[in-house]
PDB file of N, CA and C in Angstrom:
ATOM      1  N   PRO A   1     -69.916 112.024   0.341  1.00  0.00           N
ATOM      2  CA  PRO A   1     -70.421 110.659   0.349  1.00  0.00           C
ATOM      3  C   PRO A   1     -70.339 109.983  -1.039  1.00  0.00           C
ATOM      4  N   LEU A   2     -70.593 110.730  -2.101  1.00  0.00           N
ATOM      5  CA  LEU A   2     -70.530 110.136  -3.435  1.00  0.00           C
ATOM      6  C   LEU A   2     -69.097 109.715  -3.768  1.00  0.00           C
ATOM      7  N   PHE A   3     -68.132 110.601  -3.467  1.00  0.00           N
ATOM      8  CA  PHE A   3     -66.739 110.259  -3.733  1.00  0.00           C
ATOM      9  C   PHE A   3     -66.329 109.023  -2.941  1.00  0.00           C
ATOM     10  N   ARG A   4     -66.638 109.007  -1.650  1.00  0.00           N
ATOM     11  CA  ARG A   4     -66.243 107.884  -0.798  1.00  0.00           C
ATOM     12  C   ARG A   4     -66.867 106.578  -1.270  1.00  0.00           C
ATOM     13  N   SER A   5     -68.120 106.631  -1.652  1.00  0.00           N
ATOM     14  CA  SER A   5     -68.802 105.440  -2.150  1.00  0.00           C
ATOM     15  C   SER A   5     -68.172 104.948  -3.450  1.00  0.00           C
ATOM     16  N   THR A   6     -67.896 105.862  -4.351  1.00  0.00           N
ATOM     17  CA  THR A   6     -67.273 105.508  -5.632  1.00  0.00           C
ATOM     18  C   THR A   6     -65.869 104.952  -5.408  1.00  0.00           C
ATOM     19  N   PHE A   7     -65.099 105.624  -4.582  1.00  0.00           N
ATOM     20  CA  PHE A   7     -63.737 105.174  -4.282  1.00  0.00           C
ATOM     21  C   PHE A   7     -63.753 103.778  -3.668  1.00  0.00           C
ATOM     22  N   ALA A   8     -64.607 103.556  -2.693  1.00  0.00           N
ATOM     23  CA  ALA A   8     -64.692 102.249  -2.039  1.00  0.00           C
ATOM     24  C   ALA A   8     -65.086 101.165  -3.034  1.00  0.00           C
ATOM     25  N   ARG A   9     -65.992 101.483  -3.924  1.00  0.00           N
ATOM     26  CA  ARG A   9     -66.412 100.504  -4.927  1.00  0.00           C
ATOM     27  C   ARG A   9     -65.250 100.146  -5.860  1.00  0.00           C
ATOM     28  N   LEU A  10     -64.512 101.147  -6.308  1.00  0.00           N
ATOM     29  CA  LEU A  10     -63.372 100.880  -7.190  1.00  0.00           C
ATOM     30  C   LEU A  10     -62.289 100.073  -6.484  1.00  0.00           C
ATOM     31  N   VAL A  11     -61.962 100.469  -5.273  1.00  0.00           N
ATOM     32  CA  VAL A  11     -60.910  99.772  -4.527  1.00  0.00           C
ATOM     33  C   VAL A  11     -61.296  98.316  -4.301  1.00  0.00           C
ATOM     34  N   THR A  12     -62.494  98.072  -3.833  1.00  0.00           N
ATOM     35  CA  THR A  12     -62.890  96.685  -3.570  1.00  0.00           C
ATOM     36  C   THR A  12     -62.987  95.884  -4.866  1.00  0.00           C
ATOM     37  N   HIS A  13     -63.369  96.509  -5.952  1.00  0.00           N
ATOM     38  CA  HIS A  13     -63.423  95.811  -7.245  1.00  0.00           C
ATOM     39  C   HIS A  13     -62.018  95.390  -7.685  1.00  0.00           C
ATOM     40  N   PHE A  14     -61.056  96.305  -7.595  1.00  0.00           N
ATOM     41  CA  PHE A  14     -59.684  95.966  -7.977  1.00  0.00           C
ATOM     42  C   PHE A  14     -59.083  94.939  -7.037  1.00  0.00           C
ATOM     43  N   TRP A  15     -59.285  95.096  -5.722  1.00  0.00           N
ATOM     44  CA  TRP A  15     -58.749  94.119  -4.762  1.00  0.00           C
ATOM     45  C   TRP A  15     -59.337  92.747  -4.999  1.00  0.00           C
ATOM     46  N   SER A  16     -60.631  92.665  -5.207  1.00  0.00           N
ATOM     47  CA  SER A  16     -61.271  91.353  -5.373  1.00  0.00           C
ATOM     48  C   SER A  16     -60.854  90.679  -6.674  1.00  0.00           C
ATOM     49  N   ASN A  17     -60.292  91.434  -7.610  1.00  0.00           N
ATOM     50  CA  ASN A  17     -59.814  90.870  -8.873  1.00  0.00           C
ATOM     51  C   ASN A  17     -58.289  90.925  -8.991  1.00  0.00           C
ATOM     52  N   ALA A  18     -57.601  91.061  -7.858  1.00  0.00           N
ATOM     53  CA  ALA A  18     -56.128  91.089  -7.821  1.00  0.00           C
ATOM     54  C   ALA A  18     -55.560  92.087  -8.816  1.00  0.00           C
ATOM     55  N   ALA A  19     -56.220  93.239  -8.941  1.00  0.00           N
ATOM     56  CA  ALA A  19     -55.798  94.318  -9.847  1.00  0.00           C
ATOM     57  C   ALA A  19     -55.646  93.825 -11.290  1.00  0.00           C
ATOM     58  N   PHE A  20     -56.358  92.754 -11.602  1.00  0.00           N
ATOM     59  CA  PHE A  20     -56.357  92.184 -12.952  1.00  0.00           C
ATOM     60  C   PHE A  20     -54.969  91.769 -13.404  1.00  0.00           C
ATOM     61  N   ARG A  21     -54.161  91.341 -12.461  1.00  0.00           N
ATOM     62  CA  ARG A  21     -52.803  90.869 -12.720  1.00  0.00           C
ATOM     63  C   ARG A  21     -52.637  89.464 -12.161  1.00  0.00           C
ATOM     64  N   GLY A  22     -51.710  88.727 -12.755  1.00  0.00           N
ATOM     65  CA  GLY A  22     -51.379  87.420 -12.226  1.00  0.00           C
ATOM     66  C   GLY A  22     -50.629  87.576 -10.916  1.00  0.00           C
ATOM     67  N   PRO A  23     -50.543  86.518 -10.113  1.00  0.00           N
ATOM     68  CA  PRO A  23     -49.941  86.637  -8.786  1.00  0.00           C
ATOM     69  C   PRO A  23     -48.477  87.063  -8.778  1.00  0.00           C
ATOM     70  N   THR A  24     -47.727  86.775  -9.831  1.00  0.00           N
ATOM     71  CA  THR A  24     -46.317  87.171  -9.880  1.00  0.00           C
ATOM     72  C   THR A  24     -45.996  88.041 -11.090  1.00  0.00           C
ATOM     73  N   GLU A  25     -47.011  88.583 -11.728  1.00  0.00           N
ATOM     74  CA  GLU A  25     -46.804  89.329 -12.976  1.00  0.00           C
ATOM     75  C   GLU A  25     -45.849  90.507 -12.820  1.00  0.00           C
ATOM     76  N   LEU A  26     -45.996  91.286 -11.791  1.00  0.00           N
ATOM     77  CA  LEU A  26     -45.106  92.432 -11.613  1.00  0.00           C
ATOM     78  C   LEU A  26     -43.673  91.979 -11.378  1.00  0.00           C
ATOM     79  N   LEU A  27     -43.480  91.021 -10.497  1.00  0.00           N
ATOM     80  CA  LEU A  27     -42.126  90.519 -10.241  1.00  0.00           C
ATOM     81  C   LEU A  27     -41.521  89.879 -11.486  1.00  0.00           C
ATOM     82  N   ASP A  28     -42.341  89.158 -12.244  1.00  0.00           N
ATOM     83  CA  ASP A  28     -41.851  88.499 -13.450  1.00  0.00           C
ATOM     84  C   ASP A  28     -41.408  89.496 -14.520  1.00  0.00           C
ATOM     85  N   ARG A  29     -41.970  90.710 -14.475  1.00  0.00           N
ATOM     86  CA  ARG A  29     -41.690  91.682 -15.530  1.00  0.00           C
ATOM     87  C   ARG A  29     -40.922  92.913 -15.048  1.00  0.00           C
ATOM     88  N   VAL A  30     -40.421  92.879 -13.819  1.00  0.00           N
ATOM     89  CA  VAL A  30     -39.735  94.037 -13.254  1.00  0.00           C
ATOM     90  C   VAL A  30     -38.471  94.389 -14.041  1.00  0.00           C
ATOM     91  N   ALA A  31     -37.859  93.445 -14.711  1.00  0.00           N
ATOM     92  CA  ALA A  31     -36.644  93.726 -15.492  1.00  0.00           C
ATOM     93  C   ALA A  31     -36.904  94.779 -16.572  1.00  0.00           C
ATOM     94  N   ALA A  32     -38.121  94.828 -17.073  1.00  0.00           N
ATOM     95  CA  ALA A  32     -38.450  95.791 -18.132  1.00  0.00           C
ATOM     96  C   ALA A  32     -38.401  97.237 -17.649  1.00  0.00           C
ATOM     97  N   ILE A  33     -38.554  97.444 -16.353  1.00  0.00           N
ATOM     98  CA  ILE A  33     -38.541  98.812 -15.818  1.00  0.00           C
ATOM     99  C   ILE A  33     -37.439  99.029 -14.791  1.00  0.00           C
ATOM    100  N   SER A  34     -36.587  98.039 -14.595  1.00  0.00           N
ATOM    101  CA  SER A  34     -35.586  98.121 -13.538  1.00  0.00           C
ATOM    102  C   SER A  34     -34.525  99.190 -13.774  1.00  0.00           C
ATOM    103  N   HIS A  35     -34.467  99.747 -14.976  1.00  0.00           N
ATOM    104  CA  HIS A  35     -33.519 100.829 -15.250  1.00  0.00           C
ATOM    105  C   HIS A  35     -34.009 102.169 -14.679  1.00  0.00           C
ATOM    106  N   LEU A  36     -35.269 102.217 -14.300  1.00  0.00           N
ATOM    107  CA  LEU A  36     -35.845 103.442 -13.739  1.00  0.00           C
ATOM    108  C   LEU A  36     -35.549 103.526 -12.249  1.00  0.00           C
ATOM    109  N   PRO A  37     -35.381 104.744 -11.729  1.00  0.00           N
ATOM    110  CA  PRO A  37     -35.200 104.861 -10.280  1.00  0.00           C
ATOM    111  C   PRO A  37     -36.504 104.527  -9.563  1.00  0.00           C
ATOM    112  N   ALA A  38     -36.391 103.952  -8.390  1.00  0.00           N
ATOM    113  CA  ALA A  38     -37.582 103.599  -7.616  1.00  0.00           C
ATOM    114  C   ALA A  38     -37.312 103.784  -6.137  1.00  0.00           C
ATOM    115  N   ALA A  39     -38.301 104.318  -5.450  1.00  0.00           N
ATOM    116  CA  ALA A  39     -38.230 104.453  -3.993  1.00  0.00           C
ATOM    117  C   ALA A  39     -39.520 103.883  -3.430  1.00  0.00           C
ATOM    118  N   PHE A  40     -39.388 102.847  -2.630  1.00  0.00           N
ATOM    119  CA  PHE A  40     -40.544 102.232  -2.002  1.00  0.00           C
ATOM    120  C   PHE A  40     -40.623 102.713  -0.561  1.00  0.00           C
ATOM    121  N   LEU A  41     -41.801 103.171  -0.161  1.00  0.00           N
ATOM    122  CA  LEU A  41     -42.063 103.577   1.215  1.00  0.00           C
ATOM    123  C   LEU A  41     -43.168 102.684   1.743  1.00  0.00           C
ATOM    124  N   HIS A  42     -42.965 102.163   2.924  1.00  0.00           N
ATOM    125  CA  HIS A  42     -43.974 101.279   3.498  1.00  0.00           C
ATOM    126  C   HIS A  42     -44.209 101.657   4.951  1.00  0.00           C
ATOM    127  N   GLY A  43     -45.461 101.815   5.312  1.00  0.00           N
ATOM    128  CA  GLY A  43     -45.821 102.061   6.704  1.00  0.00           C
ATOM    129  C   GLY A  43     -45.874 100.750   7.459  1.00  0.00           C
ATOM    130  N   ARG A  44     -45.059 100.604   8.458  1.00  0.00           N
ATOM    131  CA  ARG A  44     -44.971  99.310   9.144  1.00  0.00           C
ATOM    132  C   ARG A  44     -46.259  98.937   9.872  1.00  0.00           C
ATOM    133  N   HIS A  45     -47.142  99.900  10.094  1.00  0.00           N
ATOM    134  CA  HIS A  45     -48.427  99.621  10.736  1.00  0.00           C
ATOM    135  C   HIS A  45     -49.549  99.452   9.702  1.00  0.00           C
ATOM    136  N   ASP A  46     -49.200  99.344   8.442  1.00  0.00           N
ATOM    137  CA  ASP A  46     -50.186  99.191   7.374  1.00  0.00           C
ATOM    138  C   ASP A  46     -50.692  97.751   7.368  1.00  0.00           C
ATOM    139  N   ILE A  47     -51.918  97.556   7.802  1.00  0.00           N
ATOM    140  CA  ILE A  47     -52.460  96.201   7.868  1.00  0.00           C
ATOM    141  C   ILE A  47     -53.048  95.742   6.536  1.00  0.00           C
ATOM    142  N   SER A  48     -53.177  96.646   5.579  1.00  0.00           N
ATOM    143  CA  SER A  48     -53.778  96.273   4.300  1.00  0.00           C
ATOM    144  C   SER A  48     -52.753  95.900   3.236  1.00  0.00           C
ATOM    145  N   SER A  49     -51.489  96.140   3.508  1.00  0.00           N
ATOM    146  CA  SER A  49     -50.450  95.858   2.519  1.00  0.00           C
ATOM    147  C   SER A  49     -49.221  95.314   3.228  1.00  0.00           C
ATOM    148  N   PRO A  50     -48.959  94.022   3.096  1.00  0.00           N
ATOM    149  CA  PRO A  50     -47.824  93.438   3.816  1.00  0.00           C
ATOM    150  C   PRO A  50     -46.474  93.916   3.283  1.00  0.00           C
ATOM    151  N   LEU A  51     -45.503  94.003   4.164  1.00  0.00           N
ATOM    152  CA  LEU A  51     -44.153  94.435   3.809  1.00  0.00           C
ATOM    153  C   LEU A  51     -43.508  93.502   2.780  1.00  0.00           C
ATOM    154  N   ALA A  52     -43.949  92.265   2.714  1.00  0.00           N
ATOM    155  CA  ALA A  52     -43.350  91.307   1.772  1.00  0.00           C
ATOM    156  C   ALA A  52     -43.430  91.790   0.324  1.00  0.00           C
ATOM    157  N   ILE A  53     -44.448  92.525  -0.016  1.00  0.00           N
ATOM    158  CA  ILE A  53     -44.617  92.962  -1.407  1.00  0.00           C
ATOM    159  C   ILE A  53     -43.555  93.987  -1.805  1.00  0.00           C
ATOM    160  N   PRO A  54     -43.420  95.118  -1.110  1.00  0.00           N
ATOM    161  CA  PRO A  54     -42.343  96.039  -1.501  1.00  0.00           C
ATOM    162  C   PRO A  54     -40.950  95.436  -1.283  1.00  0.00           C
ATOM    163  N   TRP A  55     -40.800  94.547  -0.303  1.00  0.00           N
ATOM    164  CA  TRP A  55     -39.512  93.890  -0.064  1.00  0.00           C
ATOM    165  C   TRP A  55     -39.111  93.058  -1.279  1.00  0.00           C
ATOM    166  N   GLN A  56     -40.031  92.270  -1.814  1.00  0.00           N
ATOM    167  CA  GLN A  56     -39.729  91.458  -2.998  1.00  0.00           C
ATOM    168  C   GLN A  56     -39.403  92.338  -4.200  1.00  0.00           C
ATOM    169  N   LEU A  57     -40.164  93.409  -4.398  1.00  0.00           N
ATOM    170  CA  LEU A  57     -39.877  94.323  -5.509  1.00  0.00           C
ATOM    171  C   LEU A  57     -38.500  94.957  -5.340  1.00  0.00           C
ATOM    172  N   HIS A  58     -38.214  95.435  -4.154  1.00  0.00           N
ATOM    173  CA  HIS A  58     -36.920  96.065  -3.883  1.00  0.00           C
ATOM    174  C   HIS A  58     -35.767  95.102  -4.154  1.00  0.00           C
ATOM    175  N   ARG A  59     -35.899  93.857  -3.731  1.00  0.00           N
ATOM    176  CA  ARG A  59     -34.838  92.865  -3.937  1.00  0.00           C
ATOM    177  C   ARG A  59     -34.606  92.573  -5.418  1.00  0.00           C
ATOM    178  N   ASN A  60     -35.641  92.742  -6.235  1.00  0.00           N
ATOM    179  CA  ASN A  60     -35.530  92.438  -7.662  1.00  0.00           C
ATOM    180  C   ASN A  60     -35.361  93.680  -8.535  1.00  0.00           C
ATOM    181  N   TRP A  61     -35.247  94.845  -7.924  1.00  0.00           N
ATOM    182  CA  TRP A  61     -35.158  96.108  -8.662  1.00  0.00           C
ATOM    183  C   TRP A  61     -33.832  96.773  -8.300  1.00  0.00           C
ATOM    184  N   PRO A  62     -32.796  96.547  -9.096  1.00  0.00           N
ATOM    185  CA  PRO A  62     -31.486  97.141  -8.783  1.00  0.00           C
ATOM    186  C   PRO A  62     -31.579  98.669  -8.659  1.00  0.00           C
ATOM    187  N   GLY A  63     -30.931  99.182  -7.675  1.00  0.00           N
ATOM    188  CA  GLY A  63     -30.900 100.628  -7.495  1.00  0.00           C
ATOM    189  C   GLY A  63     -32.113 101.201  -6.786  1.00  0.00           C
ATOM    190  N   SER A  64     -33.078 100.363  -6.421  1.00  0.00           N
ATOM    191  CA  SER A  64     -34.242 100.880  -5.699  1.00  0.00           C
ATOM    192  C   SER A  64     -33.892 101.044  -4.227  1.00  0.00           C
ATOM    193  N   THR A  65     -34.703 101.821  -3.543  1.00  0.00           N
ATOM    194  CA  THR A  65     -34.569 101.961  -2.095  1.00  0.00           C
ATOM    195  C   THR A  65     -35.881 101.533  -1.457  1.00  0.00           C
ATOM    196  N   LEU A  66     -35.791 101.051  -0.242  1.00  0.00           N
ATOM    197  CA  LEU A  66     -36.975 100.689   0.529  1.00  0.00           C
ATOM    198  C   LEU A  66     -36.837 101.311   1.903  1.00  0.00           C
ATOM    199  N   THR A  67     -37.807 102.116   2.263  1.00  0.00           N
ATOM    200  CA  THR A  67     -37.825 102.761   3.573  1.00  0.00           C
ATOM    201  C   THR A  67     -39.085 102.308   4.299  1.00  0.00           C
ATOM    202  N   VAL A  68     -38.904 101.749   5.479  1.00  0.00           N
ATOM    203  CA  VAL A  68     -40.042 101.353   6.302  1.00  0.00           C
ATOM    204  C   VAL A  68     -40.228 102.435   7.351  1.00  0.00           C
ATOM    205  N   VAL A  69     -41.421 102.994   7.365  1.00  0.00           N
ATOM    206  CA  VAL A  69     -41.728 104.149   8.199  1.00  0.00           C
ATOM    207  C   VAL A  69     -42.653 103.725   9.339  1.00  0.00           C
ATOM    208  N   ASP A  70     -42.455 104.298  10.517  1.00  0.00           N
ATOM    209  CA  ASP A  70     -43.314 104.022  11.663  1.00  0.00           C
ATOM    210  C   ASP A  70     -44.637 104.768  11.463  1.00  0.00           C
ATOM    211  N   ALA A  71     -45.457 104.234  10.531  1.00  0.00           N
ATOM    212  CA  ALA A  71     -46.705 104.890  10.150  1.00  0.00           C
ATOM    213  C   ALA A  71     -47.678 103.824   9.667  1.00  0.00           C
ATOM    214  N   GLY A  72     -48.849 104.282   9.244  1.00  0.00           N
ATOM    215  CA  GLY A  72     -49.866 103.393   8.705  1.00  0.00           C
ATOM    216  C   GLY A  72     -49.849 103.411   7.193  1.00  0.00           C
ATOM    217  N   HIS A  73     -51.007 103.284   6.599  1.00  0.00           N
ATOM    218  CA  HIS A  73     -51.146 103.244   5.143  1.00  0.00           C
ATOM    219  C   HIS A  73     -51.147 104.671   4.585  1.00  0.00           C
ATOM    220  N   GLY A  74     -49.960 105.183   4.322  1.00  0.00           N
ATOM    221  CA  GLY A  74     -49.851 106.506   3.711  1.00  0.00           C
ATOM    222  C   GLY A  74     -49.986 107.675   4.659  1.00  0.00           C
ATOM    223  N   THR A  75     -50.277 107.429   5.916  1.00  0.00           N
ATOM    224  CA  THR A  75     -50.415 108.531   6.862  1.00  0.00           C
ATOM    225  C   THR A  75     -49.140 108.679   7.669  1.00  0.00           C
ATOM    226  N   GLY A  76     -48.743 109.908   7.919  1.00  0.00           N
ATOM    227  CA  GLY A  76     -47.558 110.154   8.728  1.00  0.00           C
ATOM    228  C   GLY A  76     -46.252 109.947   7.986  1.00  0.00           C
ATOM    229  N   MET A  77     -46.302 109.983   6.655  1.00  0.00           N
ATOM    230  CA  MET A  77     -45.097 109.746   5.863  1.00  0.00           C
ATOM    231  C   MET A  77     -44.663 110.962   5.053  1.00  0.00           C
ATOM    232  N   ASP A  78     -45.204 112.113   5.336  1.00  0.00           N
ATOM    233  CA  ASP A  78     -44.929 113.293   4.503  1.00  0.00           C
ATOM    234  C   ASP A  78     -43.441 113.580   4.350  1.00  0.00           C
ATOM    235  N   ALA A  79     -42.698 113.569   5.433  1.00  0.00           N
ATOM    236  CA  ALA A  79     -41.266 113.875   5.373  1.00  0.00           C
ATOM    237  C   ALA A  79     -40.523 112.833   4.550  1.00  0.00           C
ATOM    238  N   GLU A  80     -40.884 111.568   4.723  1.00  0.00           N
ATOM    239  CA  GLU A  80     -40.222 110.502   3.976  1.00  0.00           C
ATOM    240  C   GLU A  80     -40.548 110.565   2.486  1.00  0.00           C
ATOM    241  N   VAL A  81     -41.779 110.908   2.152  1.00  0.00           N
ATOM    242  CA  VAL A  81     -42.159 111.054   0.738  1.00  0.00           C
ATOM    243  C   VAL A  81     -41.361 112.188   0.104  1.00  0.00           C
ATOM    244  N   ARG A  82     -41.289 113.328   0.796  1.00  0.00           N
ATOM    245  CA  ARG A  82     -40.500 114.455   0.267  1.00  0.00           C
ATOM    246  C   ARG A  82     -39.036 114.063   0.080  1.00  0.00           C
ATOM    247  N   ALA A  83     -38.459 113.380   1.053  1.00  0.00           N
ATOM    248  CA  ALA A  83     -37.063 112.963   0.966  1.00  0.00           C
ATOM    249  C   ALA A  83     -36.840 112.000  -0.198  1.00  0.00           C
ATOM    250  N   ALA A  84     -37.769 111.074  -0.398  1.00  0.00           N
ATOM    251  CA  ALA A  84     -37.648 110.118  -1.495  1.00  0.00           C
ATOM    252  C   ALA A  84     -37.727 110.817  -2.855  1.00  0.00           C
ATOM    253  N   VAL A  85     -38.648 111.758  -2.983  1.00  0.00           N
ATOM    254  CA  VAL A  85     -38.761 112.499  -4.242  1.00  0.00           C
ATOM    255  C   VAL A  85     -37.537 113.360  -4.468  1.00  0.00           C
ATOM    256  N   ASP A  86     -37.075 114.038  -3.440  1.00  0.00           N
ATOM    257  CA  ASP A  86     -35.887 114.881  -3.575  1.00  0.00           C
ATOM    258  C   ASP A  86     -34.641 114.068  -3.938  1.00  0.00           C
ATOM    259  N   ALA A  87     -34.589 112.804  -3.523  1.00  0.00           N
ATOM    260  CA  ALA A  87     -33.414 111.965  -3.805  1.00  0.00           C
ATOM    261  C   ALA A  87     -33.436 111.373  -5.206  1.00  0.00           C
ATOM    262  N   MET A  88     -34.566 111.478  -5.897  1.00  0.00           N
ATOM    263  CA  MET A  88     -34.655 110.919  -7.250  1.00  0.00           C
ATOM    264  C   MET A  88     -33.775 111.712  -8.208  1.00  0.00           C
ATOM    265  N   PRO A  89     -33.073 111.000  -9.105  1.00  0.00           N
ATOM    266  CA  PRO A  89     -32.262 111.720 -10.088  1.00  0.00           C
ATOM    267  C   PRO A  89     -33.155 112.495 -11.053  1.00  0.00           C
ATOM    268  N   ASP A  90     -32.632 113.583 -11.548  1.00  0.00           N
ATOM    269  CA  ASP A  90     -33.368 114.415 -12.505  1.00  0.00           C
ATOM    270  C   ASP A  90     -33.374 113.707 -13.858  1.00  0.00           C
ATOM    271  N   GLN A  91     -34.549 113.310 -14.313  1.00  0.00           N
ATOM    272  CA  GLN A  91     -34.674 112.552 -15.555  1.00  0.00           C
ATOM    273  C   GLN A  91     -35.090 113.427 -16.746  1.00  0.00           C
ATOM    274  N   ARG A  92     -35.034 114.735 -16.584  1.00  0.00           N
ATOM    275  CA  ARG A  92     -35.508 115.631 -17.644  1.00  0.00           C
ATOM    276  C   ARG A  92     -34.517 115.782 -18.787  1.00  0.00           C
ATOM    277  N   GLY A  93     -33.364 115.163 -18.650  1.00  0.00           N
ATOM    278  CA  GLY A  93     -32.416 115.167 -19.756  1.00  0.00           C
ATOM    279  C   GLY A  93     -31.496 116.321 -19.742  1.00  0.00           C
TER     280      GLY A  93
END
């Protein structure tokens, strides 16, 4: 109960303050990190996070991938998460 209460408080605090970011701040600054590999996974049944957000990031992030999974918010995506991580290039030099 303590963890759940703390987690809920943090999540609602960040959501109510737009994660302390401007409405287009991430998109406006994506060029600074666009050289990094990125894999976006989105559960199409996720009612708390619209597909428009990862779609916009994917469109502005060269070399990124976007996979829409028949799942909810992070549930039922284990195979897709493993596949996305396995497909990432080895950045260890």
